[in-house]
C-alpha atoms as a PDB file:
ATOM      1  CA  GLN A   1       0.000   0.000   0.000  1.00  0.00           C
ATOM      2  CA  VAL A   2       1.053   3.587  -0.696  1.00  0.00           C
ATOM      3  CA  GLN A   3      -0.428   6.611   0.994  1.00  0.00           C
ATOM      4  CA  LEU A   4      -0.127   9.873  -0.939  1.00  0.00           C
ATOM      5  CA  VAL A   5      -0.630  13.298   0.627  1.00  0.00           C
ATOM      6  CA  GLU A   6      -0.601  16.449  -1.472  1.00  0.00           C
ATOM      7  CA  SER A   7       0.134  19.901  -0.109  1.00  0.00           C
ATOM      8  CA  GLY A   8       1.080  23.370  -1.299  1.00  0.00           C
ATOM      9  CA  GLY A   9      -2.117  24.486  -2.971  1.00  0.00           C
ATOM     10  CA  GLY A  10      -3.710  27.853  -2.396  1.00  0.00           C
ATOM     11  CA  LEU A  11      -4.846  31.119  -3.912  1.00  0.00           C
ATOM     12  CA  VAL A  12      -2.427  32.909  -6.238  1.00  0.00           C
ATOM     13  CA  GLN A  13      -2.680  35.788  -8.680  1.00  0.00           C
ATOM     14  CA  PRO A  14      -2.242  35.230 -12.419  1.00  0.00           C
ATOM     15  CA  GLY A  15       1.451  35.107 -13.231  1.00  0.00           C
ATOM     16  CA  GLY A  16       2.311  33.822  -9.788  1.00  0.00           C
ATOM     17  CA  SER A  17       3.909  30.576  -8.673  1.00  0.00           C
ATOM     18  CA  LEU A  18       3.152  27.643  -6.417  1.00  0.00           C
ATOM     19  CA  ARG A  19       5.024  24.500  -5.517  1.00  0.00           C
ATOM     20  CA  LEU A  20       2.980  21.387  -4.877  1.00  0.00           C
ATOM     21  CA  SER A  21       4.298  18.421  -2.944  1.00  0.00           C
ATOM     22  CA  CYS A  22       3.164  14.809  -2.866  1.00  0.00           C
ATOM     23  CA  ALA A  23       4.523  12.869   0.085  1.00  0.00           C
ATOM     24  CA  ALA A  24       4.406   9.078  -0.178  1.00  0.00           C
ATOM     25  CA  SER A  25       4.582   6.504   2.561  1.00  0.00           C
ATOM     26  CA  GLY A  26       4.079   2.802   2.977  1.00  0.00           C
ATOM     27  CA  SER A  27       6.084   1.290   0.126  1.00  0.00           C
ATOM     28  CA  THR A  28       9.039   1.733  -2.207  1.00  0.00           C
ATOM     29  CA  PHE A  29       8.482   5.145  -3.721  1.00  0.00           C
ATOM     30  CA  CYS A  30      11.332   4.859  -6.207  1.00  0.00           C
ATOM     31  CA  MET A  31       9.613   1.974  -8.002  1.00  0.00           C
ATOM     32  CA  TYR A  32       6.560   4.008  -8.983  1.00  0.00           C
ATOM     33  CA  LEU A  33       5.686   5.972 -12.071  1.00  0.00           C
ATOM     34  CA  MET A  34       4.312   9.249 -10.733  1.00  0.00           C
ATOM     35  CA  ASN A  35       1.817  11.665 -12.254  1.00  0.00           C
ATOM     36  CA  TRP A  36       0.236  14.987 -11.413  1.00  0.00           C
ATOM     37  CA  TYR A  37      -3.370  15.308 -12.527  1.00  0.00           C
ATOM     38  CA  HIS A  38      -5.463  18.460 -12.829  1.00  0.00           C
ATOM     39  CA  GLN A  39      -9.236  18.531 -12.498  1.00  0.00           C
ATOM     40  CA  ALA A  40     -10.742  21.862 -13.477  1.00  0.00           C
ATOM     41  CA  PRO A  41     -14.242  22.705 -12.238  1.00  0.00           C
ATOM     42  CA  GLY A  42     -16.810  20.719 -14.198  1.00  0.00           C
ATOM     43  CA  LYS A  43     -14.187  18.874 -16.242  1.00  0.00           C
ATOM     44  CA  GLN A  44     -12.560  15.473 -16.245  1.00  0.00           C
ATOM     45  CA  ARG A  45      -9.291  14.839 -14.497  1.00  0.00           C
ATOM     46  CA  GLU A  46      -6.297  14.916 -16.839  1.00  0.00           C
ATOM     47  CA  SER A  47      -2.624  14.182 -16.429  1.00  0.00           C
ATOM     48  CA  VAL A  48      -0.510  17.305 -16.768  1.00  0.00           C
ATOM     49  CA  ALA A  49       2.899  15.868 -15.925  1.00  0.00           C
ATOM     50  CA  SER A  50       4.558  12.538 -15.317  1.00  0.00           C
ATOM     51  CA  ILE A  51       7.945  11.364 -14.125  1.00  0.00           C
ATOM     52  CA  THR A  52       9.352   7.893 -14.538  1.00  0.00           C
ATOM     53  CA  ILE A  53      11.492   5.797 -12.238  1.00  0.00           C
ATOM     54  CA  GLY A  54      14.491   7.087 -14.165  1.00  0.00           C
ATOM     55  CA  CYS A  55      13.318  10.696 -13.787  1.00  0.00           C
ATOM     56  CA  THR A  56      12.231  11.177 -17.380  1.00  0.00           C
ATOM     57  CA  SER A  57       9.481  13.772 -17.389  1.00  0.00           C
ATOM     58  CA  ASN A  58       6.638  14.475 -19.750  1.00  0.00           C
ATOM     59  CA  TYR A  59       4.121  17.324 -19.901  1.00  0.00           C
ATOM     60  CA  VAL A  60       0.856  18.169 -21.534  1.00  0.00           C
ATOM     61  CA  ASP A  61       1.262  21.010 -24.037  1.00  0.00           C
ATOM     62  CA  SER A  62      -0.699  23.508 -21.947  1.00  0.00           C
ATOM     63  CA  VAL A  63       1.885  23.488 -19.131  1.00  0.00           C
ATOM     64  CA  LYS A  64       5.128  22.997 -21.053  1.00  0.00           C
ATOM     65  CA  GLY A  65       7.640  25.671 -20.156  1.00  0.00           C
ATOM     66  CA  ARG A  66       5.648  26.701 -17.063  1.00  0.00           C
ATOM     67  CA  PHE A  67       5.483  23.586 -14.858  1.00  0.00           C
ATOM     68  CA  THR A  68       8.333  21.369 -13.719  1.00  0.00           C
ATOM     69  CA  ILE A  69       7.848  17.930 -12.190  1.00  0.00           C
ATOM     70  CA  SER A  70      10.539  16.400 -10.011  1.00  0.00           C
ATOM     71  CA  ARG A  71      10.994  13.659  -7.439  1.00  0.00           C
ATOM     72  CA  ASP A  72      13.236  13.103  -4.462  1.00  0.00           C
ATOM     73  CA  ASN A  73      13.359   9.379  -3.862  1.00  0.00           C
ATOM     74  CA  ALA A  74      15.304   9.807  -0.629  1.00  0.00           C
ATOM     75  CA  LYS A  75      12.396  11.842   0.754  1.00  0.00           C
ATOM     76  CA  SER A  76       9.698   9.795  -1.010  1.00  0.00           C
ATOM     77  CA  THR A  77       8.293  13.029  -2.339  1.00  0.00           C
ATOM     78  CA  MET A  78       7.268  14.363  -5.733  1.00  0.00           C
ATOM     79  CA  TYR A  79       6.955  18.029  -6.587  1.00  0.00           C
ATOM     80  CA  LEU A  80       5.271  20.235  -9.139  1.00  0.00           C
ATOM     81  CA  GLN A  81       6.746  23.698  -9.557  1.00  0.00           C
ATOM     82  CA  MET A  82       4.062  25.837 -11.183  1.00  0.00           C
ATOM     83  CA  ASN A  83       5.130  29.179 -12.667  1.00  0.00           C
ATOM     84  CA  SER A  84       3.334  31.792 -14.771  1.00  0.00           C
ATOM     85  CA  LEU A  85       0.026  30.505 -13.483  1.00  0.00           C
ATOM     86  CA  LYS A  86      -3.126  31.212 -15.453  1.00  0.00           C
ATOM     87  CA  PRO A  87      -6.791  31.232 -14.394  1.00  0.00           C
ATOM     88  CA  GLU A  88      -7.301  28.043 -16.406  1.00  0.00           C
ATOM     89  CA  ASP A  89      -4.841  26.286 -14.096  1.00  0.00           C
ATOM     90  CA  THR A  90      -7.464  26.535 -11.359  1.00  0.00           C
ATOM     91  CA  GLY A  91      -8.691  23.246  -9.996  1.00  0.00           C
ATOM     92  CA  VAL A  92      -7.763  20.328  -7.821  1.00  0.00           C
ATOM     93  CA  TYR A  93      -4.356  18.737  -8.314  1.00  0.00           C
ATOM     94  CA  TYR A  94      -3.915  15.057  -7.534  1.00  0.00           C
ATOM     95  CA  CYS A  95      -0.858  12.865  -7.448  1.00  0.00           C
ATOM     96  CA  ARG A  96      -0.925   9.291  -8.638  1.00  0.00           C
ATOM     97  CA  ALA A  97       1.504   6.408  -8.153  1.00  0.00           C
ATOM     98  CA  ARG A  98       1.565   3.288 -10.317  1.00  0.00           C
ATOM     99  CA  ARG A  99       3.723   0.225 -10.669  1.00  0.00           C
ATOM    100  CA  TRP A 100       3.404  -2.909 -12.756  1.00  0.00           C
ATOM    101  CA  VAL A 101       5.961  -5.196 -11.076  1.00  0.00           C
ATOM    102  CA  PRO A 102       5.442  -7.541  -9.355  1.00  0.00           C
ATOM    103  CA  THR A 103       1.733  -6.753  -9.730  1.00  0.00           C
ATOM    104  CA  TYR A 104      -0.211  -3.735 -10.941  1.00  0.00           C
ATOM    105  CA  SER A 105      -0.803  -1.155  -8.200  1.00  0.00           C
ATOM    106  CA  ASP A 106      -2.476   2.238  -8.525  1.00  0.00           C
ATOM    107  CA  PHE A 107      -2.822   4.855  -5.776  1.00  0.00           C
ATOM    108  CA  TRP A 108      -4.207   8.409  -5.612  1.00  0.00           C
ATOM    109  CA  GLY A 109      -3.880  11.245  -3.172  1.00  0.00           C
ATOM    110  CA  GLN A 110      -6.806  13.279  -1.884  1.00  0.00           C
ATOM    111  CA  GLY A 111      -5.945  16.374  -3.908  1.00  0.00           C
ATOM    112  CA  THR A 112      -4.988  19.963  -3.192  1.00  0.00           C
ATOM    113  CA  GLN A 113      -6.915  23.008  -4.419  1.00  0.00           C
ATOM    114  CA  VAL A 114      -5.208  25.618  -6.599  1.00  0.00           C
ATOM    115  CA  THR A 115      -7.058  28.821  -7.391  1.00  0.00           C
ATOM    116  CA  VAL A 116      -5.587  31.366  -9.800  1.00  0.00           C
ATOM    117  CA  SER A 117      -7.489  34.611  -9.574  1.00  0.00           C
ATOM    118  CA  ALA A 118      -6.936  38.319  -9.300  1.00  0.00           C
END
């Protein structure tokens, strides 16, 4: 089992920055593919960034150049540095952990609210 706890959300003005954290406990964090998901009000949850076991990252086009995903395996924590925030970045951000070996496992955090507004 993996428990995921997000933190770092809040209210920020357009153009501002936030750093989200996802703290993991209960299993071997370094063996998990990690994602950050964004759920805007009234919309489906979508992955905005991912980071592999080998620290290869990938981003959805809408956040490229603005968001940076990272992980610290020693601290069992993943981060999302969010810069140049826009109102459309508003929503709940969730972290997700998955592994396929030895069996498929899939865990979600409870989410943290980000509101970008003047």
